[in-house]
N, C-alpha and C. Protein backbone atom coordinates (compact mmCIF):
# COMPACT_ATOMS: atom_id res chain seq x y z
N UNK A 1 0.85 -1.19 0.00
CA UNK A 1 0.02 0.01 -0.03
C UNK A 1 0.88 1.25 -0.01
N UNK A 2 0.52 2.22 -0.79
CA UNK A 2 1.27 3.45 -0.84
C UNK A 2 0.99 4.31 0.38
N UNK A 3 1.99 5.02 0.78
CA UNK A 3 1.89 5.91 1.95
C UNK A 3 1.31 7.24 1.38
N UNK A 4 0.14 7.64 1.91
CA UNK A 4 -0.53 8.81 1.40
C UNK A 4 0.09 10.11 1.93
N UNK A 5 -0.25 11.19 1.27
CA UNK A 5 0.17 12.50 1.76
C UNK A 5 -0.36 12.80 3.11
N UNK A 6 -1.61 12.41 3.35
CA UNK A 6 -2.22 12.66 4.70
C UNK A 6 -1.47 11.84 5.76
N UNK A 7 -1.13 10.60 5.45
CA UNK A 7 -0.40 9.80 6.42
C UNK A 7 0.98 10.43 6.68
N UNK A 8 1.63 10.83 5.62
CA UNK A 8 2.94 11.47 5.73
C UNK A 8 2.86 12.67 6.67
N UNK A 9 1.85 13.49 6.49
CA UNK A 9 1.67 14.72 7.31
C UNK A 9 1.51 14.37 8.76
N UNK A 10 0.72 13.32 9.05
CA UNK A 10 0.48 12.91 10.44
C UNK A 10 1.78 12.39 11.08
N UNK A 11 2.51 11.60 10.34
CA UNK A 11 3.78 11.10 10.85
C UNK A 11 4.77 12.25 11.07
N UNK A 12 4.91 13.13 10.07
CA UNK A 12 5.83 14.27 10.19
C UNK A 12 5.47 15.15 11.40
N UNK A 13 4.20 15.46 11.56
CA UNK A 13 3.76 16.33 12.65
C UNK A 13 4.07 15.71 14.01
N UNK A 14 3.79 14.40 14.13
CA UNK A 14 4.03 13.75 15.41
C UNK A 14 5.53 13.56 15.68
N UNK A 15 6.31 13.25 14.67
CA UNK A 15 7.75 13.13 14.83
C UNK A 15 8.35 14.45 15.22
N UNK A 16 7.90 15.52 14.58
CA UNK A 16 8.42 16.87 14.95
C UNK A 16 8.15 17.16 16.42
N UNK A 17 6.99 16.79 16.91
CA UNK A 17 6.66 16.99 18.33
C UNK A 17 7.49 16.10 19.28
N UNK A 18 7.87 14.90 18.81
CA UNK A 18 8.61 13.98 19.66
C UNK A 18 10.12 14.21 19.62
N UNK A 19 10.60 14.73 18.49
CA UNK A 19 12.04 14.79 18.27
C UNK A 19 12.83 15.43 19.43
N UNK A 20 12.39 16.55 19.98
CA UNK A 20 13.16 17.18 21.03
C UNK A 20 13.36 16.28 22.28
N UNK A 21 12.44 15.36 22.46
CA UNK A 21 12.51 14.46 23.60
C UNK A 21 12.73 13.02 23.16
N UNK A 22 13.35 12.84 22.03
CA UNK A 22 13.49 11.50 21.44
C UNK A 22 14.28 10.52 22.31
N UNK A 23 15.27 10.99 23.05
CA UNK A 23 16.03 10.07 23.90
C UNK A 23 15.15 9.45 24.98
N UNK A 24 14.41 10.26 25.66
CA UNK A 24 13.49 9.77 26.71
C UNK A 24 12.38 8.89 26.14
N UNK A 25 11.82 9.30 25.01
CA UNK A 25 10.77 8.52 24.35
C UNK A 25 11.29 7.20 23.87
N UNK A 26 12.51 7.21 23.31
CA UNK A 26 13.13 5.98 22.80
C UNK A 26 13.31 4.97 23.94
N UNK A 27 13.76 5.44 25.09
CA UNK A 27 13.94 4.52 26.23
C UNK A 27 12.58 3.98 26.68
N UNK A 28 11.54 4.80 26.68
CA UNK A 28 10.20 4.32 27.04
C UNK A 28 9.76 3.26 26.07
N UNK A 29 10.08 3.43 24.79
CA UNK A 29 9.74 2.50 23.74
C UNK A 29 10.35 1.09 24.06
N UNK A 30 11.62 1.06 24.40
CA UNK A 30 12.27 -0.21 24.70
C UNK A 30 11.77 -0.80 26.05
N UNK A 31 11.58 0.05 27.01
CA UNK A 31 10.99 -0.46 28.29
C UNK A 31 9.62 -1.08 28.02
N UNK A 32 8.84 -0.49 27.12
CA UNK A 32 7.54 -1.04 26.79
C UNK A 32 7.73 -2.39 26.08
N UNK A 33 8.70 -2.53 25.21
CA UNK A 33 8.96 -3.83 24.56
C UNK A 33 9.19 -4.86 25.63
N UNK A 34 10.03 -4.59 26.64
CA UNK A 34 10.34 -5.55 27.66
C UNK A 34 9.20 -5.76 28.64
N UNK A 35 8.32 -4.81 28.75
CA UNK A 35 7.12 -4.98 29.56
C UNK A 35 6.18 -5.98 28.89
N UNK A 36 6.03 -5.83 27.58
CA UNK A 36 5.16 -6.74 26.79
C UNK A 36 5.81 -8.14 26.69
N UNK A 37 7.11 -8.21 26.45
CA UNK A 37 7.79 -9.47 26.22
C UNK A 37 9.12 -9.51 26.99
N UNK A 38 9.02 -9.78 28.32
CA UNK A 38 10.24 -9.83 29.15
C UNK A 38 11.26 -10.86 28.63
N UNK A 39 10.78 -11.91 27.96
CA UNK A 39 11.70 -12.93 27.41
C UNK A 39 12.52 -12.43 26.29
N UNK A 40 12.28 -11.21 25.80
CA UNK A 40 13.09 -10.65 24.71
C UNK A 40 14.44 -10.13 25.15
N UNK A 41 14.59 -9.88 26.45
CA UNK A 41 15.83 -9.29 26.97
C UNK A 41 17.08 -10.08 26.53
N UNK A 42 17.09 -11.41 26.61
CA UNK A 42 18.33 -12.12 26.24
C UNK A 42 18.65 -11.99 24.73
N UNK A 43 17.75 -11.47 23.91
CA UNK A 43 18.05 -11.31 22.50
C UNK A 43 18.97 -10.13 22.28
N UNK A 44 19.25 -9.34 23.30
CA UNK A 44 20.12 -8.20 23.22
C UNK A 44 21.41 -8.51 23.99
N UNK A 45 22.46 -8.83 23.28
CA UNK A 45 23.71 -9.24 23.90
C UNK A 45 24.23 -8.29 24.99
N UNK A 46 24.06 -7.00 24.80
CA UNK A 46 24.57 -6.05 25.78
C UNK A 46 23.74 -6.06 27.07
N UNK A 47 22.57 -6.73 27.10
CA UNK A 47 21.80 -6.83 28.32
C UNK A 47 22.05 -8.12 29.08
N UNK A 48 22.72 -9.05 28.44
CA UNK A 48 22.97 -10.35 29.10
C UNK A 48 23.83 -10.22 30.36
N UNK A 49 24.70 -9.22 30.36
CA UNK A 49 25.60 -9.05 31.49
C UNK A 49 24.99 -8.15 32.61
N UNK A 50 23.79 -7.64 32.29
CA UNK A 50 23.12 -6.78 33.32
C UNK A 50 22.47 -7.66 34.33
N UNK A 51 22.71 -7.36 35.58
CA UNK A 51 22.15 -8.14 36.65
C UNK A 51 20.61 -8.07 36.66
N UNK A 52 20.00 -9.08 37.29
CA UNK A 52 18.56 -9.08 37.34
C UNK A 52 18.00 -7.84 38.09
N UNK A 53 18.75 -7.34 39.05
CA UNK A 53 18.27 -6.23 39.85
C UNK A 53 18.65 -4.87 39.24
N UNK A 54 19.50 -4.88 38.22
CA UNK A 54 19.93 -3.61 37.62
C UNK A 54 18.75 -2.98 36.82
N UNK A 55 18.41 -1.76 37.10
CA UNK A 55 17.31 -1.12 36.37
C UNK A 55 17.66 -0.91 34.91
N UNK A 56 16.79 -1.37 34.02
CA UNK A 56 17.04 -1.24 32.61
C UNK A 56 17.17 0.24 32.18
N UNK A 57 16.38 1.09 32.79
CA UNK A 57 16.36 2.49 32.36
C UNK A 57 17.69 3.21 32.57
N UNK A 58 18.55 2.64 33.40
CA UNK A 58 19.86 3.27 33.61
C UNK A 58 20.98 2.54 32.88
N UNK A 59 20.63 1.56 32.06
CA UNK A 59 21.64 0.81 31.32
C UNK A 59 22.11 1.67 30.14
N UNK A 60 23.38 2.12 30.12
CA UNK A 60 23.82 3.03 29.04
C UNK A 60 23.70 2.48 27.62
N UNK A 61 23.99 1.20 27.48
CA UNK A 61 23.95 0.63 26.10
C UNK A 61 22.50 0.47 25.66
N UNK A 62 21.56 0.22 26.56
CA UNK A 62 20.19 0.12 26.17
C UNK A 62 19.71 1.48 25.68
N UNK A 63 20.03 2.55 26.38
CA UNK A 63 19.56 3.88 26.01
C UNK A 63 20.12 4.23 24.63
N UNK A 64 21.40 3.98 24.39
CA UNK A 64 22.01 4.29 23.10
C UNK A 64 21.33 3.46 22.01
N UNK A 65 21.10 2.21 22.24
CA UNK A 65 20.46 1.32 21.27
C UNK A 65 19.03 1.80 21.00
N UNK A 66 18.33 2.12 22.07
CA UNK A 66 16.92 2.56 21.91
C UNK A 66 16.84 3.82 21.07
N UNK A 67 17.74 4.76 21.31
CA UNK A 67 17.72 6.01 20.56
C UNK A 67 17.99 5.72 19.07
N UNK A 68 18.97 4.89 18.81
CA UNK A 68 19.31 4.54 17.42
C UNK A 68 18.12 3.92 16.70
N UNK A 69 17.48 2.94 17.33
CA UNK A 69 16.35 2.25 16.69
C UNK A 69 15.14 3.19 16.55
N UNK A 70 14.83 3.91 17.59
CA UNK A 70 13.63 4.76 17.54
C UNK A 70 13.80 5.86 16.48
N UNK A 71 14.92 6.51 16.48
CA UNK A 71 15.16 7.63 15.51
C UNK A 71 15.20 7.06 14.10
N UNK A 72 15.80 5.89 13.87
CA UNK A 72 15.83 5.28 12.54
C UNK A 72 14.39 4.97 12.07
N UNK A 73 13.61 4.39 12.96
CA UNK A 73 12.21 4.05 12.59
C UNK A 73 11.44 5.31 12.26
N UNK A 74 11.58 6.35 13.09
CA UNK A 74 10.83 7.58 12.83
C UNK A 74 11.30 8.32 11.59
N UNK A 75 12.61 8.42 11.42
CA UNK A 75 13.14 9.11 10.22
C UNK A 75 12.77 8.34 8.94
N UNK A 76 12.81 7.01 9.00
CA UNK A 76 12.38 6.17 7.85
C UNK A 76 10.94 6.47 7.51
N UNK A 77 10.09 6.54 8.55
CA UNK A 77 8.66 6.78 8.36
C UNK A 77 8.41 8.15 7.68
N UNK A 78 9.18 9.16 8.07
CA UNK A 78 8.96 10.48 7.50
C UNK A 78 9.29 10.59 6.05
N UNK A 79 10.12 9.68 5.52
CA UNK A 79 10.57 9.73 4.15
C UNK A 79 9.81 8.78 3.23
N UNK A 80 8.88 8.04 3.76
CA UNK A 80 8.25 6.93 3.02
C UNK A 80 7.53 7.38 1.76
N UNK A 81 6.76 8.46 1.83
CA UNK A 81 5.98 8.87 0.67
C UNK A 81 6.92 9.47 -0.38
N UNK A 82 7.85 10.28 0.07
CA UNK A 82 8.77 10.96 -0.85
C UNK A 82 9.62 9.97 -1.63
N UNK A 83 10.06 8.91 -0.94
CA UNK A 83 10.99 7.95 -1.58
C UNK A 83 10.29 6.76 -2.19
N UNK A 84 9.04 6.48 -1.69
CA UNK A 84 8.31 5.32 -2.22
C UNK A 84 8.63 4.03 -1.52
N UNK A 85 9.67 4.01 -0.71
CA UNK A 85 10.01 2.80 0.06
C UNK A 85 10.83 3.23 1.28
N UNK A 86 11.17 2.20 2.05
CA UNK A 86 11.93 2.44 3.26
C UNK A 86 13.33 2.96 2.91
N UNK A 87 13.72 4.06 3.49
CA UNK A 87 15.02 4.62 3.22
C UNK A 87 15.90 4.48 4.47
N UNK A 88 16.65 3.46 4.47
CA UNK A 88 17.67 3.22 5.44
C UNK A 88 18.84 2.81 4.61
N UNK A 89 20.03 3.25 4.95
CA UNK A 89 21.18 2.93 4.13
C UNK A 89 21.21 1.40 3.90
N UNK A 90 21.54 1.00 2.68
CA UNK A 90 21.53 -0.40 2.29
C UNK A 90 22.41 -1.24 3.22
N UNK A 91 23.55 -0.72 3.60
CA UNK A 91 24.42 -1.46 4.45
C UNK A 91 23.78 -1.63 5.84
N UNK A 92 23.11 -0.59 6.31
CA UNK A 92 22.40 -0.68 7.57
C UNK A 92 21.31 -1.70 7.53
N UNK A 93 20.56 -1.72 6.46
CA UNK A 93 19.48 -2.71 6.33
C UNK A 93 20.03 -4.13 6.29
N UNK A 94 21.13 -4.33 5.56
CA UNK A 94 21.76 -5.64 5.52
C UNK A 94 22.21 -6.06 6.91
N UNK A 95 22.84 -5.13 7.61
CA UNK A 95 23.30 -5.41 8.99
C UNK A 95 22.15 -5.74 9.91
N UNK A 96 21.05 -4.97 9.76
CA UNK A 96 19.85 -5.27 10.54
C UNK A 96 19.30 -6.64 10.30
N UNK A 97 19.28 -7.02 8.99
CA UNK A 97 18.81 -8.36 8.66
C UNK A 97 19.65 -9.46 9.28
N UNK A 98 20.97 -9.32 9.17
CA UNK A 98 21.88 -10.29 9.74
C UNK A 98 21.81 -10.35 11.26
N UNK A 99 21.75 -9.22 11.91
CA UNK A 99 21.64 -9.14 13.38
C UNK A 99 20.35 -9.76 13.86
N UNK A 100 19.26 -9.49 13.18
CA UNK A 100 17.98 -10.05 13.60
C UNK A 100 17.92 -11.57 13.41
N UNK A 101 18.56 -12.07 12.35
CA UNK A 101 18.62 -13.52 12.13
C UNK A 101 19.45 -14.17 13.26
N UNK A 102 20.61 -13.60 13.56
CA UNK A 102 21.47 -14.12 14.65
C UNK A 102 20.75 -14.14 15.99
N UNK A 103 19.93 -13.12 16.23
CA UNK A 103 19.23 -13.01 17.50
C UNK A 103 18.01 -13.93 17.59
N UNK A 104 17.64 -14.51 16.47
CA UNK A 104 16.48 -15.42 16.46
C UNK A 104 15.15 -14.68 16.40
N UNK A 105 15.16 -13.49 15.81
CA UNK A 105 13.94 -12.68 15.72
C UNK A 105 12.94 -13.40 14.80
N UNK A 106 11.67 -13.46 15.25
CA UNK A 106 10.60 -14.09 14.49
C UNK A 106 9.51 -13.03 14.27
N UNK A 107 8.52 -13.38 13.43
CA UNK A 107 7.42 -12.49 13.11
C UNK A 107 6.73 -11.94 14.36
N UNK A 108 6.56 -12.80 15.36
CA UNK A 108 5.87 -12.38 16.57
C UNK A 108 6.63 -11.25 17.29
N UNK A 109 7.94 -11.24 17.18
CA UNK A 109 8.73 -10.19 17.78
C UNK A 109 8.46 -8.85 17.08
N UNK A 110 8.28 -8.85 15.77
CA UNK A 110 7.96 -7.63 15.06
C UNK A 110 6.64 -7.06 15.56
N UNK A 111 5.68 -7.95 15.88
CA UNK A 111 4.40 -7.50 16.35
C UNK A 111 4.50 -6.86 17.72
N UNK A 112 5.35 -7.43 18.59
CA UNK A 112 5.61 -6.82 19.91
C UNK A 112 6.18 -5.43 19.72
N UNK A 113 7.17 -5.28 18.85
CA UNK A 113 7.79 -4.00 18.63
C UNK A 113 6.76 -2.98 18.06
N UNK A 114 5.91 -3.46 17.17
CA UNK A 114 4.89 -2.57 16.60
C UNK A 114 3.97 -2.07 17.70
N UNK A 115 3.49 -2.97 18.56
CA UNK A 115 2.60 -2.58 19.62
C UNK A 115 3.30 -1.57 20.55
N UNK A 116 4.54 -1.87 20.91
CA UNK A 116 5.30 -0.98 21.78
C UNK A 116 5.52 0.38 21.13
N UNK A 117 5.82 0.40 19.84
CA UNK A 117 6.00 1.68 19.14
C UNK A 117 4.74 2.52 19.14
N UNK A 118 3.60 1.87 18.77
CA UNK A 118 2.35 2.60 18.76
C UNK A 118 1.96 3.09 20.16
N UNK A 119 2.13 2.25 21.16
CA UNK A 119 1.80 2.68 22.53
C UNK A 119 2.69 3.85 22.95
N UNK A 120 3.97 3.79 22.58
CA UNK A 120 4.89 4.85 22.95
C UNK A 120 4.57 6.17 22.28
N UNK A 121 4.29 6.09 20.99
CA UNK A 121 3.93 7.32 20.29
C UNK A 121 2.65 7.90 20.81
N UNK A 122 1.66 7.07 21.07
CA UNK A 122 0.39 7.54 21.64
C UNK A 122 0.66 8.22 22.99
N UNK A 123 1.51 7.64 23.81
CA UNK A 123 1.85 8.26 25.09
C UNK A 123 2.66 9.52 24.95
N UNK A 124 3.42 9.67 23.92
CA UNK A 124 4.26 10.84 23.72
C UNK A 124 3.47 12.03 23.16
N UNK A 125 2.49 11.73 22.32
CA UNK A 125 1.70 12.82 21.69
C UNK A 125 0.19 12.53 21.84
N UNK A 126 -0.29 12.36 23.07
CA UNK A 126 -1.71 11.95 23.26
C UNK A 126 -2.72 12.95 22.67
N UNK A 127 -2.36 14.25 22.68
CA UNK A 127 -3.27 15.21 22.15
C UNK A 127 -3.41 15.17 20.62
N UNK A 128 -2.43 14.53 19.98
CA UNK A 128 -2.47 14.44 18.48
C UNK A 128 -3.01 13.07 18.05
N UNK A 129 -2.99 12.10 18.98
CA UNK A 129 -3.28 10.72 18.61
C UNK A 129 -4.71 10.52 18.13
N UNK A 130 -4.88 9.99 16.93
CA UNK A 130 -6.18 9.67 16.36
C UNK A 130 -6.10 8.34 15.65
N UNK A 131 -7.23 7.73 15.31
CA UNK A 131 -7.18 6.47 14.54
C UNK A 131 -6.38 6.63 13.22
N UNK A 132 -6.47 7.83 12.64
CA UNK A 132 -5.74 8.06 11.37
C UNK A 132 -4.21 8.09 11.61
N UNK A 133 -3.81 8.72 12.71
CA UNK A 133 -2.39 8.74 13.03
C UNK A 133 -1.88 7.33 13.32
N UNK A 134 -2.65 6.60 14.09
CA UNK A 134 -2.30 5.21 14.39
C UNK A 134 -2.13 4.44 13.10
N UNK A 135 -3.04 4.57 12.14
CA UNK A 135 -2.96 3.85 10.91
C UNK A 135 -1.70 4.29 10.12
N UNK A 136 -1.38 5.53 10.15
CA UNK A 136 -0.18 6.04 9.44
C UNK A 136 1.09 5.42 10.00
N UNK A 137 1.18 5.40 11.33
CA UNK A 137 2.39 4.82 11.95
C UNK A 137 2.41 3.29 11.73
N UNK A 138 1.26 2.65 11.75
CA UNK A 138 1.18 1.20 11.48
C UNK A 138 1.73 0.94 10.07
N UNK A 139 1.28 1.68 9.13
CA UNK A 139 1.74 1.46 7.74
C UNK A 139 3.23 1.71 7.63
N UNK A 140 3.70 2.80 8.23
CA UNK A 140 5.16 3.05 8.16
C UNK A 140 5.95 1.94 8.81
N UNK A 141 5.50 1.53 9.98
CA UNK A 141 6.21 0.39 10.68
C UNK A 141 6.17 -0.85 9.83
N UNK A 142 5.00 -1.19 9.29
CA UNK A 142 4.88 -2.42 8.53
C UNK A 142 5.85 -2.43 7.34
N UNK A 143 6.01 -1.26 6.69
CA UNK A 143 6.92 -1.21 5.57
C UNK A 143 8.37 -1.37 6.00
N UNK A 144 8.75 -0.77 7.12
CA UNK A 144 10.10 -0.94 7.67
C UNK A 144 10.34 -2.41 8.07
N UNK A 145 9.36 -2.98 8.76
CA UNK A 145 9.48 -4.40 9.18
C UNK A 145 9.62 -5.30 7.96
N UNK A 146 8.87 -5.05 6.91
CA UNK A 146 8.92 -5.86 5.70
C UNK A 146 10.33 -5.78 5.06
N UNK A 147 10.92 -4.59 5.06
CA UNK A 147 12.25 -4.42 4.52
C UNK A 147 13.27 -5.19 5.35
N UNK A 148 13.16 -5.14 6.66
CA UNK A 148 14.07 -5.88 7.53
C UNK A 148 13.91 -7.37 7.35
N UNK A 149 12.63 -7.84 7.28
CA UNK A 149 12.36 -9.27 7.08
C UNK A 149 12.95 -9.75 5.75
N UNK A 150 12.88 -8.94 4.73
CA UNK A 150 13.47 -9.32 3.42
C UNK A 150 14.96 -9.52 3.57
N UNK A 151 15.62 -8.59 4.27
CA UNK A 151 17.07 -8.73 4.52
C UNK A 151 17.38 -9.96 5.39
N UNK A 152 16.46 -10.26 6.29
CA UNK A 152 16.66 -11.45 7.12
C UNK A 152 16.65 -12.72 6.29
N UNK A 153 15.74 -12.76 5.33
CA UNK A 153 15.67 -13.92 4.43
C UNK A 153 17.00 -14.05 3.64
N UNK A 154 17.49 -12.94 3.15
CA UNK A 154 18.73 -12.99 2.39
C UNK A 154 19.92 -13.40 3.28
N UNK A 155 19.93 -12.88 4.53
CA UNK A 155 21.02 -13.24 5.44
C UNK A 155 20.95 -14.69 5.84
N UNK A 156 19.72 -15.24 6.01
CA UNK A 156 19.56 -16.63 6.41
C UNK A 156 19.98 -17.55 5.28
N UNK A 157 19.76 -17.11 4.06
CA UNK A 157 20.12 -17.93 2.88
C UNK A 157 21.60 -17.90 2.57
N UNK A 158 22.32 -16.89 3.06
CA UNK A 158 23.72 -16.70 2.73
C UNK A 158 24.61 -17.73 3.43
């Protein structure tokens, strides 16, 4: 499905509102992932050495990773209509595919991330959140997830 001008506008407007606080929002995004799926923590090598009692929100590598992922997802979404497809550097997309294959990521994991992303954005811009905005972010995420899954297939076959 093509990303419409109206969807693009909704994504751009909400990203503009979130961008100044993207570090904090990104961390909330990952904390939401682990709230939905606590079993996902071991999929992140940098969290394996974190003690059970260590608070995730103060883990420096988690924060850095969360910001990278959240900003990439949002920036990719804002460019979708203009470019016609997901715009993440090809090398980054290949690396994402290989990393996700090594971590054992499955389709169900993408659904957890999608739910966490939508919940996080809704919480970050509640006054802007509408069914149309939700649909726009769903479409943007689905296209990014499809691109990563395609790279995962190629990495698994290599």
